[in-house]
N, C-alpha and C. Protein backbone atom coordinates (compact mmCIF):
# COMPACT_ATOMS: atom_id res chain seq x y z
N MET A 1 0.93 -1.12 -0.08
CA MET A 1 0.10 -0.17 -0.02
C MET A 1 0.64 1.32 -0.13
N GLN A 2 0.49 2.20 -0.35
CA GLN A 2 1.31 3.68 -0.30
C GLN A 2 0.81 4.28 0.75
N VAL A 3 1.70 5.19 1.05
CA VAL A 3 1.79 6.07 2.00
C VAL A 3 0.44 6.86 1.97
N GLY A 4 -0.53 7.32 1.63
CA GLY A 4 -1.67 7.82 1.81
C GLY A 4 -2.63 6.75 1.99
N GLU A 5 -2.45 5.44 1.56
CA GLU A 5 -3.79 4.35 1.92
C GLU A 5 -3.27 3.99 3.80
N LEU A 6 -1.78 4.08 3.87
CA LEU A 6 -2.02 3.65 5.18
C LEU A 6 -1.89 4.96 6.46
N ALA A 7 -1.79 6.09 5.89
CA ALA A 7 -2.12 7.21 6.74
C ALA A 7 -3.45 6.95 6.86
N ALA A 8 -4.55 6.58 5.95
CA ALA A 8 -5.87 6.43 6.14
C ALA A 8 -6.55 5.43 6.78
N LYS A 9 -5.60 4.58 6.96
CA LYS A 9 -5.74 3.28 7.49
C LYS A 9 -5.44 3.38 9.43
N THR A 10 -4.78 4.45 9.44
CA THR A 10 -4.22 4.48 10.94
C THR A 10 -4.43 5.96 11.27
N GLY A 11 -4.43 6.44 10.77
CA GLY A 11 -5.03 8.19 10.82
C GLY A 11 -4.08 8.98 11.50
N VAL A 12 -3.01 8.09 10.78
CA VAL A 12 -1.76 9.02 11.16
C VAL A 12 -1.21 10.02 10.11
N SER A 13 -0.56 11.09 10.04
CA SER A 13 -0.31 11.89 8.89
C SER A 13 0.64 11.26 8.64
N ILE A 14 1.07 11.55 6.80
CA ILE A 14 1.46 11.01 6.18
C ILE A 14 3.20 11.69 6.62
N ARG A 15 3.09 12.98 6.92
CA ARG A 15 4.32 13.52 7.27
C ARG A 15 5.27 12.64 8.38
N ALA A 16 4.13 12.36 9.39
CA ALA A 16 4.12 11.33 10.59
C ALA A 16 4.95 10.30 10.26
N LEU A 17 4.38 9.26 8.89
CA LEU A 17 4.97 8.41 8.50
C LEU A 17 5.88 8.21 7.71
N ARG A 18 6.25 9.36 7.07
CA ARG A 18 7.57 9.46 6.66
C ARG A 18 8.67 9.98 7.72
N TYR A 19 8.23 10.20 8.72
CA TYR A 19 9.20 10.56 9.69
C TYR A 19 9.53 9.54 10.69
N TYR A 20 8.72 8.47 10.66
CA TYR A 20 9.08 6.81 11.17
C TYR A 20 9.77 6.17 10.43
N GLU A 21 9.40 6.52 9.18
CA GLU A 21 10.34 5.78 7.80
C GLU A 21 11.81 6.36 7.97
N GLU A 22 11.88 7.82 7.98
CA GLU A 22 13.52 7.90 8.11
C GLU A 22 13.92 7.65 9.61
N SER A 23 13.24 7.34 10.35
CA SER A 23 13.47 7.12 11.70
C SER A 23 14.37 5.70 11.57
N GLY A 24 14.15 5.02 10.74
CA GLY A 24 14.31 3.31 10.79
C GLY A 24 13.19 2.57 11.18
N LEU A 25 12.04 3.67 11.87
CA LEU A 25 10.68 2.36 12.66
C LEU A 25 9.71 2.15 11.65
N LEU A 26 9.91 2.23 10.56
CA LEU A 26 8.96 1.82 9.47
C LEU A 26 9.36 1.58 8.44
N PRO A 27 9.71 0.27 8.06
CA PRO A 27 10.35 0.05 6.52
C PRO A 27 9.45 0.33 5.44
N ALA A 28 9.94 0.46 4.37
CA ALA A 28 9.07 0.66 3.24
C ALA A 28 9.81 0.20 1.90
N GLN A 29 9.14 -0.23 0.89
CA GLN A 29 10.21 -0.22 -0.28
C GLN A 29 10.10 0.80 -1.20
N ARG A 30 11.22 1.46 -1.82
CA ARG A 30 10.58 2.02 -3.17
C ARG A 30 10.84 1.31 -4.26
N LEU A 31 9.47 1.61 -4.99
CA LEU A 31 9.01 0.99 -6.28
C LEU A 31 9.60 2.06 -7.54
N SER A 32 9.68 1.37 -8.36
CA SER A 32 10.38 2.13 -9.85
C SER A 32 10.23 3.52 -9.79
N ASN A 33 8.78 3.95 -9.51
CA ASN A 33 8.01 5.21 -9.52
C ASN A 33 8.75 6.15 -8.56
N GLY A 34 9.26 5.35 -7.59
CA GLY A 34 9.51 6.75 -6.59
C GLY A 34 9.18 6.74 -5.26
N TYR A 35 7.22 5.60 -5.50
CA TYR A 35 6.44 5.87 -4.70
C TYR A 35 7.25 4.56 -3.31
N ARG A 36 6.80 5.11 -2.42
CA ARG A 36 7.19 3.95 -0.96
C ARG A 36 5.82 3.14 -1.04
N ASN A 37 6.08 2.03 -0.73
CA ASN A 37 5.29 0.54 -0.80
C ASN A 37 5.35 -0.38 1.04
N PHE A 38 4.11 0.02 1.20
CA PHE A 38 4.16 -0.37 2.76
C PHE A 38 3.58 -1.88 2.76
N ASP A 39 3.76 -3.05 3.42
CA ASP A 39 3.23 -4.15 3.60
C ASP A 39 2.16 -3.96 4.79
N ASP A 40 1.38 -4.88 4.75
CA ASP A 40 0.27 -5.24 5.82
C ASP A 40 0.34 -5.23 7.17
N ARG A 41 1.88 -5.67 7.37
CA ARG A 41 2.04 -5.37 8.50
C ARG A 41 2.21 -3.90 9.33
N SER A 42 2.53 -3.03 8.18
CA SER A 42 2.62 -1.39 8.40
C SER A 42 1.77 -1.12 9.48
N VAL A 43 0.38 -1.37 9.26
CA VAL A 43 -0.47 -0.82 9.97
C VAL A 43 -0.80 -1.40 11.45
N ASP A 44 -0.38 -2.39 12.29
CA ASP A 44 0.21 -2.84 13.07
C ASP A 44 1.43 -2.01 13.65
N ARG A 45 1.86 -2.10 13.16
CA ARG A 45 3.53 -1.26 13.73
C ARG A 45 3.12 0.59 13.65
N VAL A 46 2.56 0.99 12.65
CA VAL A 46 2.26 2.08 13.20
C VAL A 46 1.67 2.52 14.52
N ARG A 47 0.31 1.55 14.35
CA ARG A 47 -0.41 1.57 15.93
C ARG A 47 0.30 1.36 17.12
N ALA A 48 1.41 0.58 17.02
CA ALA A 48 2.43 0.14 18.25
C ALA A 48 3.22 1.14 18.41
N ILE A 49 3.38 2.02 17.10
CA ILE A 49 4.36 3.43 17.58
C ILE A 49 3.55 4.25 17.90
N ARG A 50 2.34 4.46 17.47
CA ARG A 50 1.71 5.53 18.41
C ARG A 50 0.74 5.18 19.59
N ASP A 51 0.83 4.02 19.92
CA ASP A 51 0.58 3.41 21.35
C ASP A 51 1.61 4.06 22.66
N LEU A 52 2.96 3.96 21.97
CA LEU A 52 4.10 4.05 22.76
C LEU A 52 4.39 5.69 22.94
N LEU A 53 3.93 6.29 21.70
CA LEU A 53 4.22 7.72 21.87
C LEU A 53 3.12 8.37 22.89
N ASP A 54 2.01 7.34 22.39
CA ASP A 54 0.95 8.05 23.40
C ASP A 54 1.48 8.04 24.66
N THR A 55 2.20 6.80 25.17
CA THR A 55 2.72 6.64 26.13
C THR A 55 3.50 7.23 27.40
N GLY A 56 4.22 7.82 26.28
CA GLY A 56 4.91 8.90 26.78
C GLY A 56 6.39 9.35 26.13
N PHE A 57 6.90 7.88 25.54
CA PHE A 57 7.76 7.44 24.87
C PHE A 57 8.34 8.24 23.29
N THR A 58 9.63 8.58 23.41
CA THR A 58 10.18 9.03 22.28
C THR A 58 10.59 8.25 21.38
N ILE A 59 10.94 8.76 19.98
CA ILE A 59 11.24 8.37 18.58
C ILE A 59 12.11 7.30 19.20
N GLU A 60 13.51 8.03 19.52
CA GLU A 60 14.55 7.24 20.38
C GLU A 60 14.42 6.06 21.15
N GLU A 61 14.00 6.46 22.04
CA GLU A 61 13.40 5.19 23.18
C GLU A 61 12.44 3.87 22.10
N ILE A 62 11.57 4.38 21.09
CA ILE A 62 11.43 3.25 20.57
C ILE A 62 11.85 2.80 19.72
N ILE A 63 13.05 3.51 19.45
CA ILE A 63 13.64 2.75 17.85
C ILE A 63 14.30 1.44 18.35
N SER A 64 14.88 1.70 20.36
CA SER A 64 15.26 0.30 20.52
C SER A 64 14.79 -0.49 20.66
N LEU A 65 13.34 -0.55 20.42
CA LEU A 65 12.37 -1.69 20.27
C LEU A 65 11.67 -2.07 19.21
N ALA A 66 12.94 -1.58 18.02
CA ALA A 66 11.92 -1.77 17.00
C ALA A 66 11.84 -2.94 16.11
N SER A 67 12.97 -3.76 16.96
CA SER A 67 12.49 -5.52 16.61
C SER A 67 11.52 -5.86 17.21
N CYS A 68 10.91 -5.23 18.09
CA CYS A 68 9.88 -5.74 18.71
C CYS A 68 8.31 -5.51 18.73
N LEU A 69 8.41 -4.36 17.09
CA LEU A 69 7.18 -4.29 16.83
C LEU A 69 6.44 -4.94 15.93
N ASP A 70 6.93 -5.88 15.37
CA ASP A 70 6.28 -6.24 14.01
C ASP A 70 5.31 -8.31 14.54
N GLY A 71 6.23 -8.72 15.44
CA GLY A 71 5.69 -9.81 15.87
C GLY A 71 6.80 -10.91 15.72
N LEU A 72 7.22 -9.88 14.87
CA LEU A 72 8.42 -11.34 14.45
C LEU A 72 9.89 -10.68 15.19
N PHE A 73 9.97 -11.77 16.61
CA PHE A 73 10.64 -11.35 17.46
C PHE A 73 10.67 -12.54 18.40
N ASP A 74 11.83 -12.51 19.17
CA ASP A 74 12.14 -13.64 20.77
C ASP A 74 10.97 -12.81 21.70
N GLU A 75 10.20 -12.94 21.69
CA GLU A 75 8.83 -12.72 22.89
C GLU A 75 9.92 -12.53 23.94
N THR A 76 10.61 -13.19 25.01
CA THR A 76 10.59 -13.05 26.15
C THR A 76 12.06 -11.68 26.28
N THR A 77 12.98 -11.85 25.26
CA THR A 77 13.73 -10.93 24.74
C THR A 77 13.14 -9.53 24.80
N CYS A 78 12.02 -9.32 23.84
CA CYS A 78 10.98 -8.18 23.88
C CYS A 78 10.45 -7.76 25.23
N ARG A 79 9.83 -8.35 25.94
CA ARG A 79 9.58 -8.50 27.14
C ARG A 79 10.45 -7.54 28.20
N ARG A 80 11.54 -8.28 28.16
CA ARG A 80 12.43 -8.03 28.97
C ARG A 80 13.38 -6.01 28.87
N GLN A 81 13.19 -5.89 27.18
CA GLN A 81 13.60 -4.89 26.93
C GLN A 81 12.27 -3.77 26.86
N THR A 82 11.06 -4.24 26.84
CA THR A 82 9.97 -3.05 27.24
C THR A 82 9.86 -3.13 28.23
N ALA A 83 9.82 -3.94 29.16
CA ALA A 83 9.85 -3.61 30.79
C ALA A 83 10.63 -2.85 31.29
N GLY A 84 11.82 -2.98 30.89
CA GLY A 84 12.99 -2.33 31.47
C GLY A 84 12.83 -0.79 30.63
N LEU A 85 12.32 -0.60 29.54
CA LEU A 85 12.17 0.86 29.03
C LEU A 85 10.64 1.55 29.80
N TYR A 86 9.93 0.47 30.23
CA TYR A 86 8.96 1.29 31.35
C TYR A 86 9.49 1.58 32.53
N ARG A 87 10.22 0.59 33.13
CA ARG A 87 10.96 0.94 34.53
C ARG A 87 11.65 2.41 33.91
N ALA A 88 12.68 2.59 33.65
CA ALA A 88 13.22 3.97 32.95
C ALA A 88 12.42 4.89 32.97
N LYS A 89 11.25 4.72 32.27
CA LYS A 89 10.42 5.90 32.01
C LYS A 89 9.55 5.89 33.11
N LEU A 90 9.26 5.25 34.02
CA LEU A 90 8.39 5.21 35.64
C LEU A 90 9.29 6.12 36.17
N GLU A 91 10.66 5.46 36.17
CA GLU A 91 11.66 6.58 37.18
C GLU A 91 11.33 8.02 36.64
N LYS A 92 11.38 8.33 35.47
CA LYS A 92 11.49 9.59 35.01
C LYS A 92 10.49 10.08 35.70
N ILE A 93 9.25 9.83 35.24
CA ILE A 93 8.28 10.32 35.61
C ILE A 93 7.89 10.48 36.86
N ASP A 94 8.26 9.57 38.25
CA ASP A 94 8.34 9.87 39.51
C ASP A 94 9.48 11.38 39.95
N GLY A 95 10.60 11.06 39.01
CA GLY A 95 11.43 12.24 39.75
C GLY A 95 11.09 13.88 38.87
N GLN A 96 10.30 13.51 37.84
CA GLN A 96 9.58 15.04 37.45
C GLN A 96 8.45 15.30 38.32
N LEU A 97 7.79 14.32 39.08
CA LEU A 97 6.66 14.84 39.78
C LEU A 97 7.37 14.95 40.77
N ARG A 98 8.19 14.41 41.46
CA ARG A 98 9.16 15.10 42.65
C ARG A 98 9.07 16.40 42.46
N THR A 99 9.60 17.07 41.76
CA THR A 99 10.31 17.52 40.88
C THR A 99 9.23 19.28 41.16
N LEU A 100 8.33 18.85 40.53
CA LEU A 100 7.07 19.41 40.70
C LEU A 100 6.41 19.87 42.11
N SER A 101 6.55 18.81 42.88
CA SER A 101 5.82 18.71 44.05
C SER A 101 6.83 19.90 45.12
N THR A 102 8.25 19.83 44.53
CA THR A 102 8.84 20.86 45.03
C THR A 102 8.50 21.93 45.25
N LEU A 103 8.59 22.34 43.34
CA LEU A 103 7.51 23.43 43.24
C LEU A 103 7.01 24.18 43.59
N ARG A 104 5.65 23.45 43.64
CA ARG A 104 3.92 23.42 43.72
C ARG A 104 4.48 24.32 45.64
N GLU A 105 5.27 23.39 46.31
CA GLU A 105 5.30 23.74 47.95
C GLU A 105 6.15 25.32 47.85
N ARG A 106 7.11 25.32 47.18
CA ARG A 106 7.60 26.79 47.30
C ARG A 106 6.65 27.79 46.72
N ILE A 107 5.43 27.71 45.71
CA ILE A 107 5.06 28.48 45.30
C ILE A 107 3.83 29.02 46.17
N VAL A 108 3.24 27.64 46.90
CA VAL A 108 2.26 27.89 48.12
C VAL A 108 2.80 28.78 49.00
N GLU A 109 4.12 28.48 49.46
CA GLU A 109 4.76 29.07 50.60
C GLU A 109 5.11 30.88 50.20
N ARG A 110 5.05 30.66 48.91
CA ARG A 110 5.13 32.47 48.37
C ARG A 110 3.98 33.08 48.29
N LEU A 111 2.85 32.50 47.92
CA LEU A 111 1.85 33.16 47.66
C LEU A 111 1.42 33.16 49.54
N THR A 112 1.46 32.50 50.17
CA THR A 112 1.08 32.56 51.59
C THR A 112 1.99 33.77 52.35
N THR A 113 3.02 33.96 51.90
CA THR A 113 3.95 35.24 52.04
C THR A 113 3.47 36.50 51.92
N LEU A 114 2.58 36.11 50.51
CA LEU A 114 2.22 37.43 49.97
C LEU A 114 0.93 37.64 50.44
N SER A 115 0.29 36.57 50.62
CA SER A 115 -1.25 37.12 51.25
C SER A 115 -0.81 37.67 52.57
N SER A 116 0.11 37.25 53.49
CA SER A 116 -0.06 37.91 54.53
C SER A 116 0.65 39.28 54.48
N ARG A 117 1.37 39.24 53.77
CA ARG A 117 1.84 40.60 53.87
C ARG A 117 0.82 42.00 53.44
N THR A 118 -0.12 41.73 52.38
CA THR A 118 -1.00 42.44 51.84
C THR A 118 -2.07 42.70 52.68
N ASN A 119 -2.19 41.96 54.03
CA ASN A 119 -3.68 41.78 55.08
C ASN A 119 -3.02 42.60 56.41
N GLU A 120 -1.83 43.24 56.20
CA GLU A 120 -1.02 44.05 57.62
C GLU A 120 -1.11 45.39 57.00
């Protein structure tokens, strides 16, 4: 299928599909006329990429799982890789939450200070 058909089937823009291809996440054959040709597995692959992106992963992180996106993989290895990536993402999110909590506390303290000064 051509890129426009893949875009229609997945709801992903042609521009994004081209980016996935350039990143090495979405293999395509080039036809003699220069058009890209994607196989039927590409639909599931794009959906897997979108799911990971929607979960907060970057293209670079997803590239590390590229071999696990088709179903043609060693399931045990892919589970370990995926679990490791999720654990790392969770640690990063936890750190961001701690940072946000600290910032929130500082802002509340400053608002409290400002409010008490205006009431004097």
